[in-house]
Amino acid sequence: MNYKIIQSASNTELKHLSRLIAQSHYRRQHRLAVVEGIHLIQTFMQAGHPIHTMYVPQLRANDPEIVALMRELPAQQIVLVADHLLEKISDLTHSKEPIAILSLPTQIEASIDNDVVVLERVQDPGNVGTILRSALAAGVKHIVLSKDSTDVWSPKVLRAAMGAHAYLSIQTVADLDIWREDYAHPLYATALSTAARNLYTLNLTHPVGWLFGNEGSGLSAKMLHSATEHVIIPMIGQTESLNVAMAATVCLFEQQRQRLTAGATLN
């Protein structure tokens, strides 16, 4: 089968791909995201997300796994690229993986009747990706982020989430205070507060929201005030707090444990 081939670093299409990988404002402007690697591309395709274009390292075009991916797409959506060119613009170090462009999904407002994870000013891509992955594994499908959190569709977040984006409803909002006004269920904020309740004493068998804050400064005073209750994860030893992604994972899986024990249906 005949495919388009790019062999020049000055190619306009390749420059567009490079900017999508590197620049969050460019991704937002074009409403596009970039996924790198066979597993991630497969995950989004299986979840029904349309692929615009897939760029394949020319020397790997006969690899069985990549051939299987290419069979799922029309020939005009596949571009073979000289290996050193893709490697140069990839967000991965020394990558020889295929890269695909897909449309950002239309933002769907998180249902006020469902569980939700809310992230305020969480900056580390690895933390955001891990929280998304844990949320999906715990049956929570709705994610809300403040606009000053890291770009949830950056390549680093996409890799850390390992495909969770494909199955989640993700919404970035300009004002969490306004969003909070419409949420109908308890919103728990993890905080080192004297009034905080022990996580394991909460009844989490009904819909709840979880609020997690910035890695260094935690939640803003506004969001702490707007929370239904503050929650603490009991710990022994000299550790005072957990990384935000680990804290979120503990809370979400305690929720899942309670619901499985109670025979509740996960969202």
C-alpha atoms as a PDB file:
ATOM      1  CA  MET A   1       0.000   0.000   0.000  1.00  0.00           C
ATOM      2  CA  ASN A   2       1.272   3.489  -0.834  1.00  0.00           C
ATOM      3  CA  TYR A   3       1.665   5.895   2.086  1.00  0.00           C
ATOM      4  CA  LYS A   4       2.759   9.491   2.250  1.00  0.00           C
ATOM      5  CA  ILE A   5       6.429   9.786   3.309  1.00  0.00           C
ATOM      6  CA  ILE A   6       8.105  12.711   5.091  1.00  0.00           C
ATOM      7  CA  GLN A   7      11.869  12.913   4.889  1.00  0.00           C
ATOM      8  CA  SER A   8      12.530  16.608   5.546  1.00  0.00           C
ATOM      9  CA  ALA A   9      12.681  18.359   8.925  1.00  0.00           C
ATOM     10  CA  SER A  10      11.295  21.495   7.290  1.00  0.00           C
ATOM     11  CA  ASN A  11       8.028  19.764   6.377  1.00  0.00           C
ATOM     12  CA  THR A  12       5.057  21.933   7.422  1.00  0.00           C
ATOM     13  CA  GLU A  13       3.036  18.978   8.683  1.00  0.00           C
ATOM     14  CA  LEU A  14       5.919  17.842  10.883  1.00  0.00           C
ATOM     15  CA  LYS A  15       6.308  21.347  12.317  1.00  0.00           C
ATOM     16  CA  HIS A  16       2.587  21.323  13.172  1.00  0.00           C
ATOM     17  CA  LEU A  17       3.011  17.987  14.958  1.00  0.00           C
ATOM     18  CA  SER A  18       6.021  19.293  16.852  1.00  0.00           C
ATOM     19  CA  ARG A  19       4.084  22.313  18.123  1.00  0.00           C
ATOM     20  CA  LEU A  20       1.170  20.138  19.207  1.00  0.00           C
ATOM     21  CA  ILE A  21       3.576  18.053  21.281  1.00  0.00           C
ATOM     22  CA  ALA A  22       5.387  21.001  22.853  1.00  0.00           C
ATOM     23  CA  GLN A  23       2.805  23.778  23.317  1.00  0.00           C
ATOM     24  CA  SER A  24      -0.359  23.590  25.403  1.00  0.00           C
ATOM     25  CA  HIS A  25      -1.832  26.805  23.967  1.00  0.00           C
ATOM     26  CA  TYR A  26      -1.335  25.415  20.451  1.00  0.00           C
ATOM     27  CA  ARG A  27      -3.195  22.229  21.411  1.00  0.00           C
ATOM     28  CA  ARG A  28      -6.070  24.278  22.840  1.00  0.00           C
ATOM     29  CA  GLN A  29      -6.138  26.535  19.793  1.00  0.00           C
ATOM     30  CA  HIS A  30      -6.469  23.605  17.391  1.00  0.00           C
ATOM     31  CA  ARG A  31      -8.480  21.374  19.755  1.00  0.00           C
ATOM     32  CA  LEU A  32      -6.018  18.533  19.159  1.00  0.00           C
ATOM     33  CA  ALA A  33      -3.926  16.205  21.313  1.00  0.00           C
ATOM     34  CA  VAL A  34      -1.015  13.904  20.579  1.00  0.00           C
ATOM     35  CA  VAL A  35      -0.608  10.343  21.844  1.00  0.00           C
ATOM     36  CA  GLU A  36       2.682   8.483  21.535  1.00  0.00           C
ATOM     37  CA  GLY A  37       3.233   4.752  21.549  1.00  0.00           C
ATOM     38  CA  ILE A  38       1.417   1.662  20.351  1.00  0.00           C
ATOM     39  CA  HIS A  39      -0.457   1.006  23.606  1.00  0.00           C
ATOM     40  CA  LEU A  40      -1.882   4.527  23.933  1.00  0.00           C
ATOM     41  CA  ILE A  41      -2.924   4.696  20.299  1.00  0.00           C
ATOM     42  CA  GLN A  42      -4.614   1.292  20.570  1.00  0.00           C
ATOM     43  CA  THR A  43      -6.452   2.371  23.719  1.00  0.00           C
ATOM     44  CA  PHE A  44      -7.921   5.504  22.145  1.00  0.00           C
ATOM     45  CA  MET A  45      -8.882   3.653  18.969  1.00  0.00           C
ATOM     46  CA  GLN A  46     -10.608   0.893  20.952  1.00  0.00           C
ATOM     47  CA  ALA A  47     -12.489   3.527  22.948  1.00  0.00           C
ATOM     48  CA  GLY A  48     -13.813   4.993  19.690  1.00  0.00           C
ATOM     49  CA  HIS A  49     -11.763   8.194  19.552  1.00  0.00           C
ATOM     50  CA  PRO A  50     -11.143   9.105  15.897  1.00  0.00           C
ATOM     51  CA  ILE A  51      -7.509   9.353  14.852  1.00  0.00           C
ATOM     52  CA  HIS A  52      -6.713  12.251  12.497  1.00  0.00           C
ATOM     53  CA  THR A  53      -3.274  11.137  11.408  1.00  0.00           C
ATOM     54  CA  MET A  54      -0.776   8.524  12.555  1.00  0.00           C
ATOM     55  CA  TYR A  55       2.934   9.091  11.992  1.00  0.00           C
ATOM     56  CA  VAL A  56       5.002   5.917  11.810  1.00  0.00           C
ATOM     57  CA  PRO A  57       8.817   5.603  11.903  1.00  0.00           C
ATOM     58  CA  GLN A  58       9.657   4.424   8.401  1.00  0.00           C
ATOM     59  CA  LEU A  59      11.925   1.589   9.504  1.00  0.00           C
ATOM     60  CA  ARG A  60       9.220   0.178  11.821  1.00  0.00           C
ATOM     61  CA  ALA A  61       6.461   0.116   9.219  1.00  0.00           C
ATOM     62  CA  ASN A  62       6.699  -3.688   9.002  1.00  0.00           C
ATOM     63  CA  ASP A  63       6.569  -4.393  12.756  1.00  0.00           C
ATOM     64  CA  PRO A  64       3.569  -6.703  13.372  1.00  0.00           C
ATOM     65  CA  GLU A  65       2.014  -4.503  16.113  1.00  0.00           C
ATOM     66  CA  ILE A  66       2.322  -1.374  14.009  1.00  0.00           C
ATOM     67  CA  VAL A  67       1.017  -3.151  10.918  1.00  0.00           C
ATOM     68  CA  ALA A  68      -2.057  -4.147  12.961  1.00  0.00           C
ATOM     69  CA  LEU A  69      -2.607  -0.497  13.913  1.00  0.00           C
ATOM     70  CA  MET A  70      -2.179   0.668  10.328  1.00  0.00           C
ATOM     71  CA  ARG A  71      -4.832  -1.786   9.148  1.00  0.00           C
ATOM     72  CA  GLU A  72      -7.361   0.011  11.359  1.00  0.00           C
ATOM     73  CA  LEU A  73      -6.905   3.319   9.521  1.00  0.00           C
ATOM     74  CA  PRO A  74      -7.412   4.514   5.951  1.00  0.00           C
ATOM     75  CA  ALA A  75      -4.121   4.807   4.062  1.00  0.00           C
ATOM     76  CA  GLN A  76      -4.508   8.593   3.719  1.00  0.00           C
ATOM     77  CA  GLN A  77      -4.375   8.953   7.513  1.00  0.00           C
ATOM     78  CA  ILE A  78      -0.993   7.217   7.778  1.00  0.00           C
ATOM     79  CA  VAL A  79       2.301   9.022   7.221  1.00  0.00           C
ATOM     80  CA  LEU A  80       5.704   7.332   7.207  1.00  0.00           C
ATOM     81  CA  VAL A  81       8.451   9.515   8.652  1.00  0.00           C
ATOM     82  CA  ALA A  82      12.209   9.140   8.485  1.00  0.00           C
ATOM     83  CA  ASP A  83      13.159   7.705  11.875  1.00  0.00           C
ATOM     84  CA  HIS A  84      15.505  10.452  13.013  1.00  0.00           C
ATOM     85  CA  LEU A  85      12.817  13.104  12.378  1.00  0.00           C
ATOM     86  CA  LEU A  86      10.164  11.597  14.653  1.00  0.00           C
ATOM     87  CA  GLU A  87      12.760  10.895  17.301  1.00  0.00           C
ATOM     88  CA  LYS A  88      13.786  14.554  17.236  1.00  0.00           C
ATOM     89  CA  ILE A  89      10.308  15.962  17.959  1.00  0.00           C
ATOM     90  CA  SER A  90       8.999  13.216  20.238  1.00  0.00           C
ATOM     91  CA  ASP A  91       8.292  14.035  23.878  1.00  0.00           C
ATOM     92  CA  LEU A  92       9.948  10.714  24.723  1.00  0.00           C
ATOM     93  CA  THR A  93      13.698  10.260  24.901  1.00  0.00           C
ATOM     94  CA  HIS A  94      15.144   8.268  21.981  1.00  0.00           C
ATOM     95  CA  SER A  95      11.638   7.281  20.896  1.00  0.00           C
ATOM     96  CA  LYS A  96      10.963   5.159  17.859  1.00  0.00           C
ATOM     97  CA  GLU A  97       7.240   4.911  18.568  1.00  0.00           C
ATOM     98  CA  PRO A  98       4.315   5.866  16.316  1.00  0.00           C
ATOM     99  CA  ILE A  99       2.621   9.169  17.111  1.00  0.00           C
ATOM    100  CA  ALA A 100      -1.070   9.924  16.511  1.00  0.00           C
ATOM    101  CA  ILE A 101      -3.089  13.148  16.457  1.00  0.00           C
ATOM    102  CA  LEU A 102      -6.649  13.058  17.795  1.00  0.00           C
ATOM    103  CA  SER A 103      -9.357  15.636  18.443  1.00  0.00           C
ATOM    104  CA  LEU A 104      -9.876  16.868  21.978  1.00  0.00           C
ATOM    105  CA  PRO A 105     -13.298  15.644  23.082  1.00  0.00           C
ATOM    106  CA  THR A 106     -16.015  18.201  23.631  1.00  0.00           C
ATOM    107  CA  GLN A 107     -16.103  19.142  27.314  1.00  0.00           C
ATOM    108  CA  ILE A 108     -19.101  17.615  29.029  1.00  0.00           C
ATOM    109  CA  GLU A 109     -20.044  19.146  32.355  1.00  0.00           C
ATOM    110  CA  ALA A 110     -19.475  16.742  35.225  1.00  0.00           C
ATOM    111  CA  SER A 111     -22.839  15.449  36.352  1.00  0.00           C
ATOM    112  CA  ILE A 112     -23.964  16.856  39.686  1.00  0.00           C
ATOM    113  CA  ASP A 113     -25.373  13.414  40.450  1.00  0.00           C
ATOM    114  CA  ASN A 114     -22.111  11.463  40.135  1.00  0.00           C
ATOM    115  CA  ASP A 115     -18.836  11.008  41.941  1.00  0.00           C
ATOM    116  CA  VAL A 116     -16.225  13.507  40.875  1.00  0.00           C
ATOM    117  CA  VAL A 117     -12.536  14.214  41.453  1.00  0.00           C
ATOM    118  CA  VAL A 118     -11.667  17.913  41.566  1.00  0.00           C
ATOM    119  CA  LEU A 119      -8.068  19.087  41.120  1.00  0.00           C
ATOM    120  CA  GLU A 120      -7.096  22.612  42.118  1.00  0.00           C
ATOM    121  CA  ARG A 121      -3.725  23.915  40.882  1.00  0.00           C
ATOM    122  CA  VAL A 122      -2.183  20.438  40.648  1.00  0.00           C
ATOM    123  CA  GLN A 123       0.918  21.067  38.574  1.00  0.00           C
ATOM    124  CA  ASP A 124       2.905  17.865  38.182  1.00  0.00           C
ATOM    125  CA  PRO A 125       1.906  15.921  35.033  1.00  0.00           C
ATOM    126  CA  GLY A 126       2.792  12.620  36.687  1.00  0.00           C
ATOM    127  CA  ASN A 127       0.492  13.364  39.618  1.00  0.00           C
ATOM    128  CA  VAL A 128      -2.422  14.367  37.394  1.00  0.00           C
ATOM    129  CA  GLY A 129      -1.981  11.300  35.202  1.00  0.00           C
ATOM    130  CA  THR A 130      -1.785   8.972  38.194  1.00  0.00           C
ATOM    131  CA  ILE A 131      -4.925  10.491  39.723  1.00  0.00           C
ATOM    132  CA  LEU A 132      -6.813  10.005  36.444  1.00  0.00           C
ATOM    133  CA  ARG A 133      -5.687   6.392  36.251  1.00  0.00           C
ATOM    134  CA  SER A 134      -6.652   5.728  39.886  1.00  0.00           C
ATOM    135  CA  ALA A 135     -10.031   7.426  39.443  1.00  0.00           C
ATOM    136  CA  LEU A 136     -10.894   5.223  36.478  1.00  0.00           C
ATOM    137  CA  ALA A 137      -9.743   2.097  38.322  1.00  0.00           C
ATOM    138  CA  ALA A 138     -11.942   3.055  41.285  1.00  0.00           C
ATOM    139  CA  GLY A 139     -14.998   3.641  39.108  1.00  0.00           C
ATOM    140  CA  VAL A 140     -14.986   7.458  39.172  1.00  0.00           C
ATOM    141  CA  LYS A 141     -15.535   8.757  35.647  1.00  0.00           C
ATOM    142  CA  HIS A 142     -15.804  12.536  36.151  1.00  0.00           C
ATOM    143  CA  ILE A 143     -12.777  14.806  36.568  1.00  0.00           C
ATOM    144  CA  VAL A 144     -12.848  18.589  37.052  1.00  0.00           C
ATOM    145  CA  LEU A 145      -9.687  20.701  36.968  1.00  0.00           C
ATOM    146  CA  SER A 146      -9.068  24.342  37.714  1.00  0.00           C
ATOM    147  CA  LYS A 147      -7.736  26.294  34.754  1.00  0.00           C
ATOM    148  CA  ASP A 148      -4.408  26.807  36.572  1.00  0.00           C
ATOM    149  CA  SER A 149      -3.747  23.082  36.856  1.00  0.00           C
ATOM    150  CA  THR A 150      -1.329  21.515  34.389  1.00  0.00           C
ATOM    151  CA  ASP A 151      -2.644  20.829  30.890  1.00  0.00           C
ATOM    152  CA  VAL A 152      -4.505  17.559  31.277  1.00  0.00           C
ATOM    153  CA  TRP A 153      -3.919  16.724  27.583  1.00  0.00           C
ATOM    154  CA  SER A 154      -0.150  17.186  27.637  1.00  0.00           C
ATOM    155  CA  PRO A 155       1.892  14.184  26.415  1.00  0.00           C
ATOM    156  CA  LYS A 156       3.341  13.669  29.916  1.00  0.00           C
ATOM    157  CA  VAL A 157      -0.106  13.498  31.546  1.00  0.00           C
ATOM    158  CA  LEU A 158      -1.370  11.205  28.792  1.00  0.00           C
ATOM    159  CA  ARG A 159       1.530   8.812  29.363  1.00  0.00           C
ATOM    160  CA  ALA A 160       1.129   8.821  33.151  1.00  0.00           C
ATOM    161  CA  ALA A 161      -2.608   8.128  32.844  1.00  0.00           C
ATOM    162  CA  MET A 162      -1.913   5.188  30.498  1.00  0.00           C
ATOM    163  CA  GLY A 163      -5.077   5.633  28.458  1.00  0.00           C
ATOM    164  CA  ALA A 164      -7.482   6.650  31.243  1.00  0.00           C
ATOM    165  CA  HIS A 165      -8.361   9.840  29.332  1.00  0.00           C
ATOM    166  CA  ALA A 166     -10.121   7.720  26.711  1.00  0.00           C
ATOM    167  CA  TYR A 167     -12.771   6.611  29.212  1.00  0.00           C
ATOM    168  CA  LEU A 168     -13.165   9.667  31.440  1.00  0.00           C
ATOM    169  CA  SER A 169     -15.273  12.829  31.272  1.00  0.00           C
ATOM    170  CA  ILE A 170     -12.711  15.604  31.828  1.00  0.00           C
ATOM    171  CA  GLN A 171     -13.681  19.227  32.344  1.00  0.00           C
ATOM    172  CA  THR A 172     -11.459  22.261  32.946  1.00  0.00           C
ATOM    173  CA  VAL A 173     -13.342  25.144  34.539  1.00  0.00           C
ATOM    174  CA  ALA A 174     -12.512  28.821  34.897  1.00  0.00           C
ATOM    175  CA  ASP A 175     -13.932  29.117  38.420  1.00  0.00           C
ATOM    176  CA  LEU A 176     -14.187  26.196  40.842  1.00  0.00           C
ATOM    177  CA  ASP A 177     -16.294  28.288  43.222  1.00  0.00           C
ATOM    178  CA  ILE A 178     -19.047  28.579  40.624  1.00  0.00           C
ATOM    179  CA  TRP A 179     -18.804  24.868  39.807  1.00  0.00           C
ATOM    180  CA  ARG A 180     -19.019  24.048  43.512  1.00  0.00           C
ATOM    181  CA  GLU A 181     -22.354  25.864  43.858  1.00  0.00           C
ATOM    182  CA  ASP A 182     -24.062  23.345  41.589  1.00  0.00           C
ATOM    183  CA  TYR A 183     -22.582  20.147  43.011  1.00  0.00           C
ATOM    184  CA  ALA A 184     -25.322  18.321  44.893  1.00  0.00           C
ATOM    185  CA  HIS A 185     -23.297  15.924  47.059  1.00  0.00           C
ATOM    186  CA  PRO A 186     -20.688  16.147  49.846  1.00  0.00           C
ATOM    187  CA  LEU A 187     -17.289  17.431  48.762  1.00  0.00           C
ATOM    188  CA  TYR A 188     -14.415  16.150  50.864  1.00  0.00           C
ATOM    189  CA  ALA A 189     -11.124  18.041  51.004  1.00  0.00           C
ATOM    190  CA  THR A 190      -7.930  16.317  52.076  1.00  0.00           C
ATOM    191  CA  ALA A 191      -6.295  18.669  54.580  1.00  0.00           C
ATOM    192  CA  LEU A 192      -4.035  18.598  57.640  1.00  0.00           C
ATOM    193  CA  SER A 193      -6.633  20.243  59.869  1.00  0.00           C
ATOM    194  CA  THR A 194      -7.468  19.734  63.533  1.00  0.00           C
ATOM    195  CA  ALA A 195     -11.121  19.434  62.505  1.00  0.00           C
ATOM    196  CA  ALA A 196     -10.428  16.854  59.783  1.00  0.00           C
ATOM    197  CA  ARG A 197     -12.262  13.537  59.999  1.00  0.00           C
ATOM    198  CA  ASN A 198     -10.574  10.182  59.734  1.00  0.00           C
ATOM    199  CA  LEU A 199     -11.053   8.893  56.163  1.00  0.00           C
ATOM    200  CA  TYR A 200     -12.062   5.466  57.447  1.00  0.00           C
ATOM    201  CA  THR A 201     -14.992   6.833  59.485  1.00  0.00           C
ATOM    202  CA  LEU A 202     -16.741   8.367  56.461  1.00  0.00           C
ATOM    203  CA  ASN A 203     -19.738   6.793  54.746  1.00  0.00           C
ATOM    204  CA  LEU A 204     -18.653   6.717  51.090  1.00  0.00           C
ATOM    205  CA  THR A 205     -21.376   4.474  49.725  1.00  0.00           C
ATOM    206  CA  HIS A 206     -23.228   7.408  48.156  1.00  0.00           C
ATOM    207  CA  PRO A 207     -21.995   9.888  45.495  1.00  0.00           C
ATOM    208  CA  VAL A 208     -19.265  12.212  46.742  1.00  0.00           C
ATOM    209  CA  GLY A 209     -16.733  14.658  45.393  1.00  0.00           C
ATOM    210  CA  TRP A 210     -13.031  14.652  46.247  1.00  0.00           C
ATOM    211  CA  LEU A 211     -10.999  17.846  46.287  1.00  0.00           C
ATOM    212  CA  PHE A 212      -7.208  17.685  45.960  1.00  0.00           C
ATOM    213  CA  GLY A 213      -4.833  20.645  45.865  1.00  0.00           C
ATOM    214  CA  ASN A 214      -1.428  21.877  44.806  1.00  0.00           C
ATOM    215  CA  GLU A 215       1.624  19.746  45.605  1.00  0.00           C
ATOM    216  CA  GLY A 216       3.352  22.480  47.629  1.00  0.00           C
ATOM    217  CA  SER A 217       0.634  24.710  49.071  1.00  0.00           C
ATOM    218  CA  GLY A 218      -2.356  22.372  49.097  1.00  0.00           C
ATOM    219  CA  LEU A 219      -5.881  23.690  48.629  1.00  0.00           C
ATOM    220  CA  SER A 220      -6.734  27.379  48.565  1.00  0.00           C
ATOM    221  CA  ALA A 221      -8.528  28.860  51.558  1.00  0.00           C
ATOM    222  CA  LYS A 222     -11.621  29.350  49.379  1.00  0.00           C
ATOM    223  CA  MET A 223     -11.862  25.699  48.421  1.00  0.00           C
ATOM    224  CA  LEU A 224     -11.116  24.503  51.945  1.00  0.00           C
ATOM    225  CA  HIS A 225     -13.961  26.696  53.157  1.00  0.00           C
ATOM    226  CA  SER A 226     -16.341  25.420  50.478  1.00  0.00           C
ATOM    227  CA  ALA A 227     -15.712  21.747  51.310  1.00  0.00           C
ATOM    228  CA  THR A 228     -18.399  19.853  53.190  1.00  0.00           C
ATOM    229  CA  GLU A 229     -15.754  18.351  55.472  1.00  0.00           C
ATOM    230  CA  HIS A 230     -11.996  18.080  55.774  1.00  0.00           C
ATOM    231  CA  VAL A 231     -10.527  14.586  55.660  1.00  0.00           C
ATOM    232  CA  ILE A 232      -7.256  13.169  56.919  1.00  0.00           C
ATOM    233  CA  ILE A 233      -5.635   9.830  56.097  1.00  0.00           C
ATOM    234  CA  PRO A 234      -4.393   8.387  59.388  1.00  0.00           C
ATOM    235  CA  MET A 235      -0.675   7.589  59.336  1.00  0.00           C
ATOM    236  CA  ILE A 236       1.860   6.242  61.794  1.00  0.00           C
ATOM    237  CA  GLY A 237       5.568   6.929  61.989  1.00  0.00           C
ATOM    238  CA  GLN A 238       7.277  10.168  61.054  1.00  0.00           C
ATOM    239  CA  THR A 239       5.411  10.793  57.766  1.00  0.00           C
ATOM    240  CA  GLU A 240       3.191  13.861  57.968  1.00  0.00           C
ATOM    241  CA  SER A 241       1.546  13.716  54.568  1.00  0.00           C
ATOM    242  CA  LEU A 242       1.352  11.798  51.301  1.00  0.00           C
ATOM    243  CA  ASN A 243       2.045  12.858  47.744  1.00  0.00           C
ATOM    244  CA  VAL A 244      -1.217  14.198  46.269  1.00  0.00           C
ATOM    245  CA  ALA A 245      -1.522  11.327  43.784  1.00  0.00           C
ATOM    246  CA  MET A 246      -1.019   8.748  46.533  1.00  0.00           C
ATOM    247  CA  ALA A 247      -3.505  10.506  48.822  1.00  0.00           C
ATOM    248  CA  ALA A 248      -6.079  10.569  46.043  1.00  0.00           C
ATOM    249  CA  THR A 249      -5.523   6.879  45.339  1.00  0.00           C
ATOM    250  CA  VAL A 250      -5.998   5.937  48.999  1.00  0.00           C
ATOM    251  CA  CYS A 251      -9.258   7.931  49.223  1.00  0.00           C
ATOM    252  CA  LEU A 252     -10.673   6.597  45.970  1.00  0.00           C
ATOM    253  CA  PHE A 253      -9.930   2.984  46.791  1.00  0.00           C
ATOM    254  CA  GLU A 254     -11.401   3.321  50.281  1.00  0.00           C
ATOM    255  CA  GLN A 255     -14.562   4.546  48.529  1.00  0.00           C
ATOM    256  CA  GLN A 256     -14.439   1.575  46.175  1.00  0.00           C
ATOM    257  CA  ARG A 257     -13.842  -0.844  49.069  1.00  0.00           C
ATOM    258  CA  GLN A 258     -16.896   0.433  50.946  1.00  0.00           C
ATOM    259  CA  ARG A 259     -19.123   0.157  47.903  1.00  0.00           C
ATOM    260  CA  LEU A 260     -17.949  -3.331  47.006  1.00  0.00           C
ATOM    261  CA  THR A 261     -18.537  -4.397  50.621  1.00  0.00           C
ATOM    262  CA  ALA A 262     -22.016  -2.854  50.547  1.00  0.00           C
ATOM    263  CA  GLY A 263     -22.781  -4.362  47.141  1.00  0.00           C
ATOM    264  CA  ALA A 264     -23.175  -0.917  45.614  1.00  0.00           C
ATOM    265  CA  THR A 265     -22.806  -0.336  41.883  1.00  0.00           C
ATOM    266  CA  LEU A 266     -19.742   1.653  40.865  1.00  0.00           C
ATOM    267  CA  ASN A 267     -20.335   4.610  38.517  1.00  0.00           C
END
